[in-house]
């Protein structure tokens, strides 16, 4: 018999959210050889070059837009799609994925629309991953609550290279699967040590772009103020989380 279906367009937020389910969130690091790759190898695996740019076509995930097709889109859309895939990236790595001759200033403008600076690297904004009117596939928690929880995790990484999962769960009151998703986006689990931020502190970017760094610091101050209210963080808690010396610098 016929079953009535609701159709949602390609750009509908619900379609965007459902599409995210197609992207593997990964499993335990044990025995997972895909995680034992350099950042550049990992990025090439996520966003393969076009056939014209190589002699042999690599085996690529079927759910990733080919680079040749990606480059037909406006720069802002290219960067948004890349950030939704990689979650965290160094600016130099991002530039290497874009067409040669792309204006770095234009890239800087676009990246700040969809990502935040963390330890000199760019982390995709929570509302890009969790659009309004969507919810957690694990717990059914609405996107707004997920964004606050993930913002807390990413903010923690502006304070230190290490984050403890139990602390995140205690503060955000979110389920283990949601918290694990947040952490897996930007960090690796180190047995008996906690979760370590995926990328090294990007000192070169920080030195070259002090104006961007300062602007991002102001944004993070605003986010921290919101987190203080939402999670009722005490002054004692915040005092104990003051940014450490480099390389675990604020941004």
Protein backbone atom coordinates (compact mmCIF):
# COMPACT_ATOMS: atom_id res chain seq x y z
CA UNK A 1 0.00 0.00 0.00
CA UNK A 2 1.01 3.63 -0.41
CA UNK A 3 2.79 5.41 2.43
CA UNK A 4 2.56 9.20 2.57
CA UNK A 5 6.01 10.81 2.93
CA UNK A 6 7.04 14.35 3.79
CA UNK A 7 9.60 15.74 1.36
CA UNK A 8 12.27 18.15 2.62
CA UNK A 9 14.44 20.08 0.15
CA UNK A 10 18.23 19.83 -0.11
CA UNK A 11 18.84 23.00 1.89
CA UNK A 12 16.24 22.32 4.57
CA UNK A 13 17.77 22.16 8.08
CA UNK A 14 16.20 18.76 8.65
CA UNK A 15 17.84 17.43 5.49
CA UNK A 16 21.15 18.86 6.65
CA UNK A 17 20.81 17.14 10.02
CA UNK A 18 19.82 13.78 8.52
CA UNK A 19 22.80 14.00 6.16
CA UNK A 20 25.11 14.25 9.15
CA UNK A 21 24.10 10.72 10.14
CA UNK A 22 25.87 9.49 7.01
CA UNK A 23 29.21 10.70 8.35
CA UNK A 24 30.91 8.15 10.56
CA UNK A 25 31.63 9.40 14.05
CA UNK A 26 34.18 6.64 14.49
CA UNK A 27 34.55 4.05 17.18
CA UNK A 28 37.24 3.21 19.69
CA UNK A 29 40.74 4.17 18.62
CA UNK A 30 41.92 0.64 19.36
CA UNK A 31 42.48 -1.12 16.06
CA UNK A 32 41.18 1.80 14.03
CA UNK A 33 43.91 2.35 11.47
CA UNK A 34 42.06 5.27 9.86
CA UNK A 35 43.00 7.43 12.86
CA UNK A 36 46.69 6.57 12.51
CA UNK A 37 47.21 9.08 9.73
CA UNK A 38 48.78 12.49 9.44
CA UNK A 39 46.36 15.45 9.33
CA UNK A 40 47.12 15.97 5.63
CA UNK A 41 46.41 12.31 4.80
CA UNK A 42 43.18 12.48 6.79
CA UNK A 43 42.05 15.61 4.99
CA UNK A 44 42.86 14.15 1.59
CA UNK A 45 40.81 11.10 2.55
CA UNK A 46 37.86 13.31 3.53
CA UNK A 47 38.06 15.59 0.51
CA UNK A 48 39.80 13.78 -2.36
CA UNK A 49 41.38 15.79 -5.20
CA UNK A 50 39.72 15.80 -8.59
CA UNK A 51 40.74 13.29 -11.25
CA UNK A 52 42.48 16.03 -13.25
CA UNK A 53 44.79 16.77 -10.32
CA UNK A 54 46.22 13.28 -10.01
CA UNK A 55 47.46 10.34 -12.04
CA UNK A 56 45.41 7.70 -10.27
CA UNK A 57 42.02 8.20 -8.75
CA UNK A 58 42.09 7.23 -5.03
CA UNK A 59 39.43 5.23 -3.29
CA UNK A 60 37.34 7.93 -1.58
CA UNK A 61 34.31 7.88 0.71
CA UNK A 62 31.15 7.96 -1.37
CA UNK A 63 29.53 10.56 0.91
CA UNK A 64 32.08 13.32 0.24
CA UNK A 65 31.68 15.91 -2.51
CA UNK A 66 34.57 15.54 -5.00
CA UNK A 67 37.01 18.47 -4.88
CA UNK A 68 36.36 19.41 -8.51
CA UNK A 69 32.65 19.71 -7.77
CA UNK A 70 33.28 21.46 -4.47
CA UNK A 71 35.33 24.15 -6.19
CA UNK A 72 32.39 25.14 -8.39
CA UNK A 73 30.64 26.49 -5.28
CA UNK A 74 31.11 29.98 -3.78
CA UNK A 75 34.12 30.17 -1.43
CA UNK A 76 31.96 30.55 1.69
CA UNK A 77 30.03 27.37 0.81
CA UNK A 78 33.25 25.47 0.11
CA UNK A 79 34.61 26.39 3.52
CA UNK A 80 31.35 25.55 5.29
CA UNK A 81 31.21 22.08 3.70
CA UNK A 82 34.87 21.41 4.47
CA UNK A 83 34.45 22.47 8.10
CA UNK A 84 31.36 20.29 8.57
CA UNK A 85 33.48 17.36 7.41
CA UNK A 86 36.80 17.92 9.15
CA UNK A 87 35.44 19.66 12.34
CA UNK A 88 38.91 21.07 13.18
CA UNK A 89 41.70 22.26 10.87
CA UNK A 90 44.81 24.44 10.74
CA UNK A 91 44.53 27.50 8.50
CA UNK A 92 47.45 26.36 6.31
CA UNK A 93 45.77 22.99 5.79
CA UNK A 94 42.51 24.70 4.83
CA UNK A 95 44.32 26.86 2.28
CA UNK A 96 45.93 23.75 0.78
CA UNK A 97 42.50 22.25 0.16
CA UNK A 98 41.24 25.31 -1.71
CA UNK A 99 42.11 26.20 -5.30
CA UNK A 100 45.59 27.67 -5.77
CA UNK A 101 45.48 31.43 -5.87
CA UNK A 102 42.58 31.68 -3.41
CA UNK A 103 42.80 34.97 -1.49
CA UNK A 104 43.76 34.22 2.17
CA UNK A 105 41.96 37.37 3.31
CA UNK A 106 38.71 36.13 1.78
CA UNK A 107 39.25 32.75 3.41
CA UNK A 108 39.80 34.43 6.78
CA UNK A 109 36.54 36.33 6.39
CA UNK A 110 34.61 33.18 5.52
CA UNK A 111 36.15 30.87 8.13
CA UNK A 112 35.14 33.23 10.93
CA UNK A 113 31.50 32.84 9.89
CA UNK A 114 31.51 29.08 10.44
CA UNK A 115 34.33 28.38 12.91
CA UNK A 116 36.04 29.58 16.08
CA UNK A 117 39.76 29.82 16.85
CA UNK A 118 41.02 27.24 19.36
CA UNK A 119 44.75 26.96 20.08
CA UNK A 120 45.47 28.68 16.78
CA UNK A 121 43.32 26.22 14.80
CA UNK A 122 39.76 26.49 13.50
CA UNK A 123 36.90 24.45 15.01
CA UNK A 124 33.49 24.40 13.31
CA UNK A 125 30.77 26.28 15.19
CA UNK A 126 28.21 24.20 17.05
CA UNK A 127 25.19 25.67 15.24
CA UNK A 128 26.67 24.57 11.91
CA UNK A 129 26.64 20.95 13.11
CA UNK A 130 23.36 21.23 15.00
CA UNK A 131 20.96 23.51 13.09
CA UNK A 132 17.80 24.84 14.72
CA UNK A 133 14.77 22.56 14.78
CA UNK A 134 16.99 19.46 14.88
CA UNK A 135 17.76 17.16 17.80
CA UNK A 136 20.26 14.59 19.04
CA UNK A 137 20.07 11.19 17.30
CA UNK A 138 21.12 9.65 20.63
CA UNK A 139 18.98 11.37 23.23
CA UNK A 140 16.46 13.53 21.39
CA UNK A 141 17.86 16.62 23.12
CA UNK A 142 17.12 19.76 21.05
CA UNK A 143 19.83 21.45 19.00
CA UNK A 144 19.96 24.51 21.28
CA UNK A 145 20.93 22.35 24.26
CA UNK A 146 23.45 20.38 22.19
CA UNK A 147 25.08 23.62 21.00
CA UNK A 148 25.51 24.86 24.58
CA UNK A 149 27.05 21.54 25.61
CA UNK A 150 29.43 21.43 22.67
CA UNK A 151 30.35 25.11 23.18
CA UNK A 152 31.35 24.17 26.73
CA UNK A 153 33.62 21.38 25.42
CA UNK A 154 35.24 23.59 22.79
CA UNK A 155 35.65 26.42 25.33
CA UNK A 156 37.42 23.96 27.65
CA UNK A 157 39.94 23.34 24.89
CA UNK A 158 40.68 27.07 24.73
CA UNK A 159 41.80 26.70 28.35
CA UNK A 160 43.81 23.49 28.17
CA UNK A 161 44.94 20.76 25.77
CA UNK A 162 43.22 18.15 27.92
CA UNK A 163 39.56 17.65 28.82
CA UNK A 164 38.07 15.06 31.17
CA UNK A 165 34.83 13.50 29.93
CA UNK A 166 33.33 13.07 33.41
CA UNK A 167 33.70 16.79 34.09
CA UNK A 168 31.91 17.65 30.85
CA UNK A 169 29.07 15.27 31.70
CA UNK A 170 28.79 16.65 35.24
CA UNK A 171 28.52 20.25 34.05
CA UNK A 172 26.37 19.83 30.93
CA UNK A 173 24.13 17.02 32.29
CA UNK A 174 24.07 15.54 28.78
CA UNK A 175 24.12 11.83 27.95
CA UNK A 176 27.35 9.89 27.36
CA UNK A 177 26.82 9.49 23.61
CA UNK A 178 26.27 13.21 23.05
CA UNK A 179 29.34 14.10 25.14
CA UNK A 180 31.41 11.51 23.27
CA UNK A 181 30.35 13.04 19.94
CA UNK A 182 31.48 16.49 21.10
CA UNK A 183 34.86 15.17 22.19
CA UNK A 184 35.46 13.03 19.12
CA UNK A 185 34.93 16.08 16.88
CA UNK A 186 38.03 17.83 18.22
CA UNK A 187 40.14 15.45 20.30
CA UNK A 188 41.64 11.99 20.71
CA UNK A 189 41.14 9.73 23.70
CA UNK A 190 44.39 8.94 25.50
CA UNK A 191 44.01 5.98 27.83
CA UNK A 192 44.15 6.99 31.50
CA UNK A 193 44.81 10.63 30.58
CA UNK A 194 41.63 12.04 29.09
CA UNK A 195 40.89 13.68 25.74
CA UNK A 196 43.67 15.62 24.00
CA UNK A 197 43.03 18.34 21.41
CA UNK A 198 43.66 16.91 17.93
CA UNK A 199 46.04 19.53 16.56
CA UNK A 200 49.17 21.22 17.80
CA UNK A 201 49.04 24.86 18.83
CA UNK A 202 49.43 26.87 15.58
CA UNK A 203 51.95 29.47 16.64
CA UNK A 204 52.56 30.64 13.06
CA UNK A 205 48.94 31.60 12.51
CA UNK A 206 48.70 33.35 15.87
CA UNK A 207 51.81 35.42 15.13
CA UNK A 208 50.71 36.34 11.59
CA UNK A 209 47.15 37.34 12.47
CA UNK A 210 47.05 39.16 15.83
CA UNK A 211 43.93 41.09 14.80
CA UNK A 212 42.00 37.86 14.16
CA UNK A 213 43.28 36.38 17.42
CA UNK A 214 42.11 39.44 19.36
CA UNK A 215 38.68 39.37 17.72
CA UNK A 216 38.32 35.69 18.53
CA UNK A 217 39.33 36.31 22.16
CA UNK A 218 36.48 38.79 22.44
CA UNK A 219 34.06 36.25 20.96
CA UNK A 220 35.21 33.62 23.44
CA UNK A 221 34.73 36.05 26.32
CA UNK A 222 31.12 36.43 25.22
CA UNK A 223 30.64 32.67 24.91
CA UNK A 224 32.20 32.13 28.35
CA UNK A 225 29.82 34.68 29.88
CA UNK A 226 26.85 32.77 28.43
CA UNK A 227 28.22 29.44 29.65
CA UNK A 228 28.67 30.90 33.15
CA UNK A 229 24.97 31.75 33.28
CA UNK A 230 23.67 28.58 31.63
CA UNK A 231 25.73 26.20 33.76
CA UNK A 232 25.97 28.41 36.84
CA UNK A 233 29.76 28.16 36.85
CA UNK A 234 31.29 29.48 40.08
CA UNK A 235 34.11 32.02 40.23
CA UNK A 236 36.23 29.33 41.87
CA UNK A 237 35.62 26.98 38.93
CA UNK A 238 36.54 29.64 36.38
CA UNK A 239 39.62 30.70 38.36
CA UNK A 240 40.89 27.14 38.24
CA UNK A 241 40.43 27.10 34.46
CA UNK A 242 42.52 30.15 33.61
CA UNK A 243 44.46 29.68 30.37
CA UNK A 244 47.82 28.02 30.79
CA UNK A 245 51.00 29.22 29.13
CA UNK A 246 51.60 28.36 25.50
CA UNK A 247 51.11 26.05 23.71
CA UNK A 248 47.77 25.76 25.53
CA UNK A 249 47.06 29.43 24.91
CA UNK A 250 43.48 30.81 24.93
CA UNK A 251 42.98 30.70 21.19
